[in-house]
Each structure stands twice: as structure tokens, then as C-alpha cells.
């Protein structure tokens, strides 16, 4: 269940290209801010690995820093949803 919640909430913080910093400490604070006493960095690392195994994300490094990319991320769908929410 945690990996599912992680992935769902991850979609709300990635940039317009589906990319984000993949440091577990940062992801933990962004995705589970109210559960920091229950969710450990190791849990986030397991969620990242589970999402990668499921083909939902790609983990990579750039200049030695870890990043992730949501695969098959549909920016236009996200923009459409944002427009619907904003009444456009």
C-alpha cells in the first residue's frame, strides 16, 4: 500500500516533464510530511525500487545526484486537469 500511495503523491510533485529529485530524505519530507515519525527513508527507498521494478519510474543520476523520471508522464493531461480545476 505504501508504494501505491507514494506513486500517487509523487505525481503531484514532479515537474512538467515528470522529473524530480530522488533523494529519499527529500521525497519523505515532500510526500509524507505528516507521517515523518512513521515513514523512514528506508521505506521511501523501497517505494522507489518498487515503482522502478513496476516500470512506473526510471532512476538515474546527473552530475552525481539521484533523479527520477515518471515514465509515460502525460504533461498535456496534467495541463488539462489543471485547466479544469482552474475553470478554463
PDB file of N, CA and C in Angstrom:
ATOM      1  N   UNK A   1       0.819  -1.197   0.000  1.00  0.00           N
ATOM      2  CA  UNK A   1       0.000   0.000   0.000  1.00  0.00           C
ATOM      3  C   UNK A   1       0.862   1.260   0.000  1.00  0.00           C
ATOM      4  N   UNK A   2       1.988   1.210   0.675  1.00  0.00           N
ATOM      5  CA  UNK A   2       2.816   2.408   0.769  1.00  0.00           C
ATOM      6  C   UNK A   2       3.367   2.829  -0.591  1.00  0.00           C
ATOM      7  N   UNK A   3       3.766   1.864  -1.406  1.00  0.00           N
ATOM      8  CA  UNK A   3       4.293   2.196  -2.733  1.00  0.00           C
ATOM      9  C   UNK A   3       3.212   2.817  -3.608  1.00  0.00           C
ATOM     10  N   UNK A   4       1.983   2.345  -3.468  1.00  0.00           N
ATOM     11  CA  UNK A   4       0.873   2.920  -4.239  1.00  0.00           C
ATOM     12  C   UNK A   4       0.631   4.370  -3.828  1.00  0.00           C
ATOM     13  N   UNK A   5       0.575   4.612  -2.541  1.00  0.00           N
ATOM     14  CA  UNK A   5       0.384   5.981  -2.042  1.00  0.00           C
ATOM     15  C   UNK A   5       1.560   6.851  -2.469  1.00  0.00           C
ATOM     16  N   UNK A   6       2.767   6.323  -2.335  1.00  0.00           N
ATOM     17  CA  UNK A   6       3.972   7.047  -2.739  1.00  0.00           C
ATOM     18  C   UNK A   6       3.867   7.485  -4.196  1.00  0.00           C
ATOM     19  N   UNK A   7       3.530   6.551  -5.074  1.00  0.00           N
ATOM     20  CA  UNK A   7       3.444   6.865  -6.503  1.00  0.00           C
ATOM     21  C   UNK A   7       2.350   7.901  -6.775  1.00  0.00           C
ATOM     22  N   UNK A   8       1.191   7.723  -6.187  1.00  0.00           N
ATOM     23  CA  UNK A   8       0.097   8.678  -6.400  1.00  0.00           C
ATOM     24  C   UNK A   8       0.497  10.081  -5.981  1.00  0.00           C
ATOM     25  N   UNK A   9       1.129  10.197  -4.832  1.00  0.00           N
ATOM     26  CA  UNK A   9       1.533  11.522  -4.341  1.00  0.00           C
ATOM     27  C   UNK A   9       2.738  12.058  -5.091  1.00  0.00           C
ATOM     28  N   UNK A  10       3.588  11.153  -5.577  1.00  0.00           N
ATOM     29  CA  UNK A  10       4.735  11.569  -6.376  1.00  0.00           C
ATOM     30  C   UNK A  10       4.277  12.338  -7.612  1.00  0.00           C
ATOM     31  N   UNK A  11       3.196  11.896  -8.214  1.00  0.00           N
ATOM     32  CA  UNK A  11       2.678  12.552  -9.411  1.00  0.00           C
ATOM     33  C   UNK A  11       2.308  14.009  -9.170  1.00  0.00           C
ATOM     34  N   UNK A  12       2.055  14.366  -7.933  1.00  0.00           N
ATOM     35  CA  UNK A  12       1.669  15.753  -7.629  1.00  0.00           C
ATOM     36  C   UNK A  12       2.864  16.676  -7.431  1.00  0.00           C
ATOM     37  N   UNK A  13       4.076  16.122  -7.293  1.00  0.00           N
ATOM     38  CA  UNK A  13       5.228  16.984  -7.029  1.00  0.00           C
ATOM     39  C   UNK A  13       6.250  17.031  -8.160  1.00  0.00           C
ATOM     40  N   UNK A  14       6.157  16.115  -9.125  1.00  0.00           N
ATOM     41  CA  UNK A  14       7.132  16.127 -10.220  1.00  0.00           C
ATOM     42  C   UNK A  14       6.937  17.359 -11.089  1.00  0.00           C
ATOM     43  N   UNK A  15       7.978  17.701 -11.862  1.00  0.00           N
ATOM     44  CA  UNK A  15       7.868  18.864 -12.742  1.00  0.00           C
ATOM     45  C   UNK A  15       7.021  18.528 -13.974  1.00  0.00           C
ATOM     46  N   UNK A  16       6.934  19.449 -14.886  1.00  0.00           N
ATOM     47  CA  UNK A  16       6.085  19.267 -16.068  1.00  0.00           C
ATOM     48  C   UNK A  16       6.563  18.155 -16.999  1.00  0.00           C
ATOM     49  N   UNK A  17       7.763  17.668 -16.774  1.00  0.00           N
ATOM     50  CA  UNK A  17       8.295  16.583 -17.591  1.00  0.00           C
ATOM     51  C   UNK A  17       8.327  15.266 -16.825  1.00  0.00           C
ATOM     52  N   UNK A  18       7.757  15.263 -15.612  1.00  0.00           N
ATOM     53  CA  UNK A  18       7.700  14.056 -14.808  1.00  0.00           C
ATOM     54  C   UNK A  18       8.983  13.744 -14.072  1.00  0.00           C
ATOM     55  N   UNK A  19       9.827  14.752 -13.856  1.00  0.00           N
ATOM     56  CA  UNK A  19      11.128  14.523 -13.207  1.00  0.00           C
ATOM     57  C   UNK A  19      11.169  15.170 -11.825  1.00  0.00           C
ATOM     58  N   UNK A  20      12.007  14.575 -10.966  1.00  0.00           N
ATOM     59  CA  UNK A  20      12.147  15.117  -9.614  1.00  0.00           C
ATOM     60  C   UNK A  20      13.411  14.567  -8.970  1.00  0.00           C
ATOM     61  N   UNK A  21      13.864  15.243  -7.973  1.00  0.00           N
ATOM     62  CA  UNK A  21      14.998  14.821  -7.149  1.00  0.00           C
ATOM     63  C   UNK A  21      14.642  13.477  -6.506  1.00  0.00           C
ATOM     64  N   UNK A  22      15.551  12.525  -6.512  1.00  0.00           N
ATOM     65  CA  UNK A  22      15.245  11.186  -5.992  1.00  0.00           C
ATOM     66  C   UNK A  22      15.912  10.899  -4.651  1.00  0.00           C
ATOM     67  N   UNK A  23      16.314  11.930  -3.921  1.00  0.00           N
ATOM     68  CA  UNK A  23      16.887  11.681  -2.594  1.00  0.00           C
ATOM     69  C   UNK A  23      15.768  11.270  -1.643  1.00  0.00           C
ATOM     70  N   UNK A  24      15.897  10.108  -1.013  1.00  0.00           N
ATOM     71  CA  UNK A  24      14.842   9.619  -0.121  1.00  0.00           C
ATOM     72  C   UNK A  24      14.453  10.592   0.991  1.00  0.00           C
ATOM     73  N   UNK A  25      15.416  11.304   1.558  1.00  0.00           N
ATOM     74  CA  UNK A  25      15.096  12.254   2.638  1.00  0.00           C
ATOM     75  C   UNK A  25      14.177  13.362   2.129  1.00  0.00           C
ATOM     76  N   UNK A  26      14.469  13.879   0.935  1.00  0.00           N
ATOM     77  CA  UNK A  26      13.635  14.934   0.361  1.00  0.00           C
ATOM     78  C   UNK A  26      12.253  14.398   0.001  1.00  0.00           C
ATOM     79  N   UNK A  27      12.212  13.241  -0.637  1.00  0.00           N
ATOM     80  CA  UNK A  27      10.926  12.655  -1.011  1.00  0.00           C
ATOM     81  C   UNK A  27      10.074  12.368   0.224  1.00  0.00           C
ATOM     82  N   UNK A  28      10.693  11.885   1.262  1.00  0.00           N
ATOM     83  CA  UNK A  28       9.966  11.609   2.508  1.00  0.00           C
ATOM     84  C   UNK A  28       9.323  12.883   3.054  1.00  0.00           C
ATOM     85  N   UNK A  29      10.060  13.981   3.046  1.00  0.00           N
ATOM     86  CA  UNK A  29       9.516  15.231   3.585  1.00  0.00           C
ATOM     87  C   UNK A  29       8.442  15.832   2.680  1.00  0.00           C
ATOM     88  N   UNK A  30       8.545  15.593   1.373  1.00  0.00           N
ATOM     89  CA  UNK A  30       7.562  16.135   0.427  1.00  0.00           C
ATOM     90  C   UNK A  30       6.290  15.286   0.351  1.00  0.00           C
ATOM     91  N   UNK A  31       6.450  13.976   0.368  1.00  0.00           N
ATOM     92  CA  UNK A  31       5.316  13.079   0.152  1.00  0.00           C
ATOM     93  C   UNK A  31       4.627  12.670   1.448  1.00  0.00           C
ATOM     94  N   UNK A  32       5.390  12.525   2.500  1.00  0.00           N
ATOM     95  CA  UNK A  32       4.832  12.088   3.780  1.00  0.00           C
ATOM     96  C   UNK A  32       5.098  13.104   4.895  1.00  0.00           C
ATOM     97  N   UNK A  33       4.762  14.375   4.706  1.00  0.00           N
ATOM     98  CA  UNK A  33       5.127  15.381   5.716  1.00  0.00           C
ATOM     99  C   UNK A  33       4.478  15.156   7.082  1.00  0.00           C
ATOM    100  N   UNK A  34       3.302  14.624   7.110  1.00  0.00           N
ATOM    101  CA  UNK A  34       2.603  14.415   8.378  1.00  0.00           C
ATOM    102  C   UNK A  34       2.885  13.036   8.977  1.00  0.00           C
ATOM    103  N   UNK A  35       3.635  12.220   8.265  1.00  0.00           N
ATOM    104  CA  UNK A  35       3.920  10.860   8.723  1.00  0.00           C
ATOM    105  C   UNK A  35       5.413  10.635   8.950  1.00  0.00           C
ATOM    106  N   UNK A  36       6.144  11.706   9.152  1.00  0.00           N
ATOM    107  CA  UNK A  36       7.601  11.577   9.260  1.00  0.00           C
ATOM    108  C   UNK A  36       8.031  10.702  10.431  1.00  0.00           C
ATOM    109  N   UNK A  37       7.176  10.569  11.440  1.00  0.00           N
ATOM    110  CA  UNK A  37       7.525   9.695  12.559  1.00  0.00           C
ATOM    111  C   UNK A  37       7.234   8.218  12.247  1.00  0.00           C
ATOM    112  N   UNK A  38       6.459   7.956  11.194  1.00  0.00           N
ATOM    113  CA  UNK A  38       6.104   6.581  10.833  1.00  0.00           C
ATOM    114  C   UNK A  38       6.832   6.070   9.589  1.00  0.00           C
ATOM    115  N   UNK A  39       7.170   6.980   8.678  1.00  0.00           N
ATOM    116  CA  UNK A  39       7.790   6.602   7.411  1.00  0.00           C
ATOM    117  C   UNK A  39       9.276   6.951   7.470  1.00  0.00           C
ATOM    118  N   UNK A  40      10.108   5.944   7.238  1.00  0.00           N
ATOM    119  CA  UNK A  40      11.557   6.145   7.278  1.00  0.00           C
ATOM    120  C   UNK A  40      12.110   6.319   5.862  1.00  0.00           C
ATOM    121  N   UNK A  41      13.322   6.826   5.772  1.00  0.00           N
ATOM    122  CA  UNK A  41      13.975   6.956   4.471  1.00  0.00           C
ATOM    123  C   UNK A  41      14.106   5.600   3.789  1.00  0.00           C
ATOM    124  N   UNK A  42      14.343   4.551   4.573  1.00  0.00           N
ATOM    125  CA  UNK A  42      14.446   3.200   4.005  1.00  0.00           C
ATOM    126  C   UNK A  42      13.125   2.786   3.357  1.00  0.00           C
ATOM    127  N   UNK A  43      11.995   3.213   3.935  1.00  0.00           N
ATOM    128  CA  UNK A  43      10.685   2.920   3.341  1.00  0.00           C
ATOM    129  C   UNK A  43      10.558   3.604   1.990  1.00  0.00           C
ATOM    130  N   UNK A  44      11.013   4.850   1.919  1.00  0.00           N
ATOM    131  CA  UNK A  44      10.954   5.601   0.662  1.00  0.00           C
ATOM    132  C   UNK A  44      11.856   4.943  -0.379  1.00  0.00           C
ATOM    133  N   UNK A  45      13.024   4.493   0.035  1.00  0.00           N
ATOM    134  CA  UNK A  45      13.919   3.791  -0.893  1.00  0.00           C
ATOM    135  C   UNK A  45      13.258   2.527  -1.439  1.00  0.00           C
ATOM    136  N   UNK A  46      12.550   1.806  -0.587  1.00  0.00           N
ATOM    137  CA  UNK A  46      11.828   0.602  -1.047  1.00  0.00           C
ATOM    138  C   UNK A  46      10.700   0.980  -2.007  1.00  0.00           C
ATOM    139  N   UNK A  47      10.021   2.082  -1.752  1.00  0.00           N
ATOM    140  CA  UNK A  47       8.956   2.547  -2.653  1.00  0.00           C
ATOM    141  C   UNK A  47       9.538   2.914  -4.015  1.00  0.00           C
ATOM    142  N   UNK A  48      10.673   3.597  -4.015  1.00  0.00           N
ATOM    143  CA  UNK A  48      11.336   3.947  -5.277  1.00  0.00           C
ATOM    144  C   UNK A  48      11.679   2.682  -6.057  1.00  0.00           C
ATOM    145  N   UNK A  49      12.253   1.718  -5.379  1.00  0.00           N
ATOM    146  CA  UNK A  49      12.644   0.467  -6.034  1.00  0.00           C
ATOM    147  C   UNK A  49      11.419  -0.277  -6.567  1.00  0.00           C
ATOM    148  N   UNK A  50      10.345  -0.303  -5.798  1.00  0.00           N
ATOM    149  CA  UNK A  50       9.121  -0.986  -6.241  1.00  0.00           C
ATOM    150  C   UNK A  50       8.524  -0.302  -7.461  1.00  0.00           C
ATOM    151  N   UNK A  51       8.522   1.014  -7.471  1.00  0.00           N
ATOM    152  CA  UNK A  51       7.987   1.753  -8.622  1.00  0.00           C
ATOM    153  C   UNK A  51       8.856   1.546  -9.856  1.00  0.00           C
ATOM    154  N   UNK A  52      10.176   1.467  -9.652  1.00  0.00           N
ATOM    155  CA  UNK A  52      11.068   1.215 -10.786  1.00  0.00           C
ATOM    156  C   UNK A  52      10.855  -0.201 -11.323  1.00  0.00           C
ATOM    157  N   UNK A  53      10.748  -1.187 -10.435  1.00  0.00           N
ATOM    158  CA  UNK A  53      10.503  -2.574 -10.873  1.00  0.00           C
ATOM    159  C   UNK A  53       9.181  -2.701 -11.630  1.00  0.00           C
ATOM    160  N   UNK A  54       8.188  -1.914 -11.232  1.00  0.00           N
ATOM    161  CA  UNK A  54       6.875  -1.963 -11.882  1.00  0.00           C
ATOM    162  C   UNK A  54       6.856  -1.191 -13.203  1.00  0.00           C
ATOM    163  N   UNK A  55       7.972  -0.543 -13.538  1.00  0.00           N
ATOM    164  CA  UNK A  55       8.038   0.205 -14.795  1.00  0.00           C
ATOM    165  C   UNK A  55       7.331   1.546 -14.742  1.00  0.00           C
ATOM    166  N   UNK A  56       7.147   2.080 -13.547  1.00  0.00           N
ATOM    167  CA  UNK A  56       6.453   3.363 -13.395  1.00  0.00           C
ATOM    168  C   UNK A  56       7.409   4.543 -13.411  1.00  0.00           C
ATOM    169  N   UNK A  57       8.634   4.330 -12.944  1.00  0.00           N
ATOM    170  CA  UNK A  57       9.629   5.393 -12.911  1.00  0.00           C
ATOM    171  C   UNK A  57      10.965   4.854 -13.401  1.00  0.00           C
ATOM    172  N   UNK A  58      11.841   5.784 -13.748  1.00  0.00           N
ATOM    173  CA  UNK A  58      13.225   5.462 -14.100  1.00  0.00           C
ATOM    174  C   UNK A  58      14.106   6.251 -13.154  1.00  0.00           C
ATOM    175  N   UNK A  59      15.046   5.595 -12.502  1.00  0.00           N
ATOM    176  CA  UNK A  59      16.001   6.262 -11.635  1.00  0.00           C
ATOM    177  C   UNK A  59      17.291   6.475 -12.406  1.00  0.00           C
ATOM    178  N   UNK A  60      17.881   7.649 -12.258  1.00  0.00           N
ATOM    179  CA  UNK A  60      19.136   7.947 -12.952  1.00  0.00           C
ATOM    180  C   UNK A  60      19.917   8.975 -12.155  1.00  0.00           C
ATOM    181  N   UNK A  61      21.159   9.185 -12.551  1.00  0.00           N
ATOM    182  CA  UNK A  61      21.995  10.193 -11.905  1.00  0.00           C
ATOM    183  C   UNK A  61      22.451  11.202 -12.935  1.00  0.00           C
ATOM    184  N   UNK A  62      22.569  12.445 -12.484  1.00  0.00           N
ATOM    185  CA  UNK A  62      23.099  13.522 -13.309  1.00  0.00           C
ATOM    186  C   UNK A  62      24.033  14.325 -12.420  1.00  0.00           C
ATOM    187  N   UNK A  63      25.272  14.465 -12.860  1.00  0.00           N
ATOM    188  CA  UNK A  63      26.301  15.135 -12.054  1.00  0.00           C
ATOM    189  C   UNK A  63      26.390  14.532 -10.657  1.00  0.00           C
ATOM    190  N   UNK A  64      26.216  13.212 -10.576  1.00  0.00           N
ATOM    191  CA  UNK A  64      26.340  12.510  -9.312  1.00  0.00           C
ATOM    192  C   UNK A  64      25.145  12.616  -8.386  1.00  0.00           C
ATOM    193  N   UNK A  65      24.076  13.286  -8.818  1.00  0.00           N
ATOM    194  CA  UNK A  65      22.881  13.448  -7.980  1.00  0.00           C
ATOM    195  C   UNK A  65      21.768  12.534  -8.484  1.00  0.00           C
ATOM    196  N   UNK A  66      21.007  11.918  -7.572  1.00  0.00           N
ATOM    197  CA  UNK A  66      19.943  10.997  -7.999  1.00  0.00           C
ATOM    198  C   UNK A  66      18.664  11.741  -8.417  1.00  0.00           C
ATOM    199  N   UNK A  67      18.101  11.287  -9.513  1.00  0.00           N
ATOM    200  CA  UNK A  67      16.843  11.851 -10.013  1.00  0.00           C
ATOM    201  C   UNK A  67      15.922  10.709 -10.411  1.00  0.00           C
ATOM    202  N   UNK A  68      14.676  11.056 -10.600  1.00  0.00           N
ATOM    203  CA  UNK A  68      13.707  10.079 -11.095  1.00  0.00           C
ATOM    204  C   UNK A  68      12.909  10.711 -12.214  1.00  0.00           C
ATOM    205  N   UNK A  69      12.376   9.870 -13.054  1.00  0.00           N
ATOM    206  CA  UNK A  69      11.505  10.307 -14.147  1.00  0.00           C
ATOM    207  C   UNK A  69      10.301   9.379 -14.172  1.00  0.00           C
ATOM    208  N   UNK A  70       9.120   9.956 -14.119  1.00  0.00           N
ATOM    209  CA  UNK A  70       7.897   9.174 -14.236  1.00  0.00           C
ATOM    210  C   UNK A  70       7.764   8.790 -15.707  1.00  0.00           C
ATOM    211  N   UNK A  71       7.684   7.512 -15.970  1.00  0.00           N
ATOM    212  CA  UNK A  71       7.569   7.037 -17.347  1.00  0.00           C
ATOM    213  C   UNK A  71       6.137   7.227 -17.854  1.00  0.00           C
ATOM    214  N   UNK A  72       6.032   7.490 -19.143  1.00  0.00           N
ATOM    215  CA  UNK A  72       4.730   7.726 -19.778  1.00  0.00           C
ATOM    216  C   UNK A  72       3.961   8.851 -19.108  1.00  0.00           C
ATOM    217  N   UNK A  73       4.694   9.864 -18.642  1.00  0.00           N
ATOM    218  CA  UNK A  73       4.070  11.014 -17.989  1.00  0.00           C
ATOM    219  C   UNK A  73       3.412  11.869 -19.054  1.00  0.00           C
ATOM    220  N   UNK A  74       2.168  12.177 -18.858  1.00  0.00           N
ATOM    221  CA  UNK A  74       1.402  12.923 -19.851  1.00  0.00           C
ATOM    222  C   UNK A  74       1.223  14.365 -19.394  1.00  0.00           C
ATOM    223  N   UNK A  75       2.145  15.213 -19.815  1.00  0.00           N
ATOM    224  CA  UNK A  75       2.087  16.615 -19.411  1.00  0.00           C
ATOM    225  C   UNK A  75       0.784  17.258 -19.872  1.00  0.00           C
ATOM    226  N   UNK A  76       0.341  16.922 -21.067  1.00  0.00           N
ATOM    227  CA  UNK A  76      -0.878  17.548 -21.562  1.00  0.00           C
ATOM    228  C   UNK A  76      -2.073  17.163 -20.713  1.00  0.00           C
ATOM    229  N   UNK A  77      -2.124  15.924 -20.263  1.00  0.00           N
ATOM    230  CA  UNK A  77      -3.211  15.509 -19.389  1.00  0.00           C
ATOM    231  C   UNK A  77      -3.167  16.318 -18.103  1.00  0.00           C
ATOM    232  N   UNK A  78      -1.970  16.474 -17.551  1.00  0.00           N
ATOM    233  CA  UNK A  78      -1.817  17.252 -16.325  1.00  0.00           C
ATOM    234  C   UNK A  78      -2.254  18.701 -16.558  1.00  0.00           C
ATOM    235  N   UNK A  79      -1.859  19.281 -17.702  1.00  0.00           N
ATOM    236  CA  UNK A  79      -2.254  20.657 -18.010  1.00  0.00           C
ATOM    237  C   UNK A  79      -3.768  20.741 -18.182  1.00  0.00           C
ATOM    238  N   UNK A  80      -4.361  19.724 -18.796  1.00  0.00           N
ATOM    239  CA  UNK A  80      -5.806  19.725 -18.972  1.00  0.00           C
ATOM    240  C   UNK A  80      -6.494  19.660 -17.614  1.00  0.00           C
ATOM    241  N   UNK A  81      -6.018  18.796 -16.738  1.00  0.00           N
ATOM    242  CA  UNK A  81      -6.608  18.703 -15.406  1.00  0.00           C
ATOM    243  C   UNK A  81      -6.467  20.015 -14.662  1.00  0.00           C
ATOM    244  N   UNK A  82      -5.303  20.650 -14.782  1.00  0.00           N
ATOM    245  CA  UNK A  82      -5.094  21.934 -14.119  1.00  0.00           C
ATOM    246  C   UNK A  82      -6.069  22.972 -14.674  1.00  0.00           C
ATOM    247  N   UNK A  83      -6.273  22.960 -15.983  1.00  0.00           N
ATOM    248  CA  UNK A  83      -7.216  23.897 -16.593  1.00  0.00           C
ATOM    249  C   UNK A  83      -8.635  23.651 -16.109  1.00  0.00           C
ATOM    250  N   UNK A  84      -9.021  22.367 -15.952  1.00  0.00           N
ATOM    251  CA  UNK A  84     -10.347  22.043 -15.465  1.00  0.00           C
ATOM    252  C   UNK A  84     -10.537  22.524 -14.030  1.00  0.00           C
ATOM    253  N   UNK A  85      -9.497  22.356 -13.237  1.00  0.00           N
ATOM    254  CA  UNK A  85      -9.588  22.781 -11.837  1.00  0.00           C
ATOM    255  C   UNK A  85      -9.697  24.298 -11.749  1.00  0.00           C
ATOM    256  N   UNK A  86      -8.975  24.988 -12.638  1.00  0.00           N
ATOM    257  CA  UNK A  86      -8.980  26.448 -12.601  1.00  0.00           C
ATOM    258  C   UNK A  86     -10.175  27.050 -13.339  1.00  0.00           C
ATOM    259  N   UNK A  87     -11.014  26.196 -13.899  1.00  0.00           N
ATOM    260  CA  UNK A  87     -12.205  26.676 -14.583  1.00  0.00           C
ATOM    261  C   UNK A  87     -11.951  27.151 -15.998  1.00  0.00           C
ATOM    262  N   UNK A  88     -10.892  26.685 -16.632  1.00  0.00           N
ATOM    263  CA  UNK A  88     -10.607  27.081 -18.005  1.00  0.00           C
ATOM    264  C   UNK A  88     -11.210  26.108 -18.976  1.00  0.00           C
TER     265      UNK A  88
END
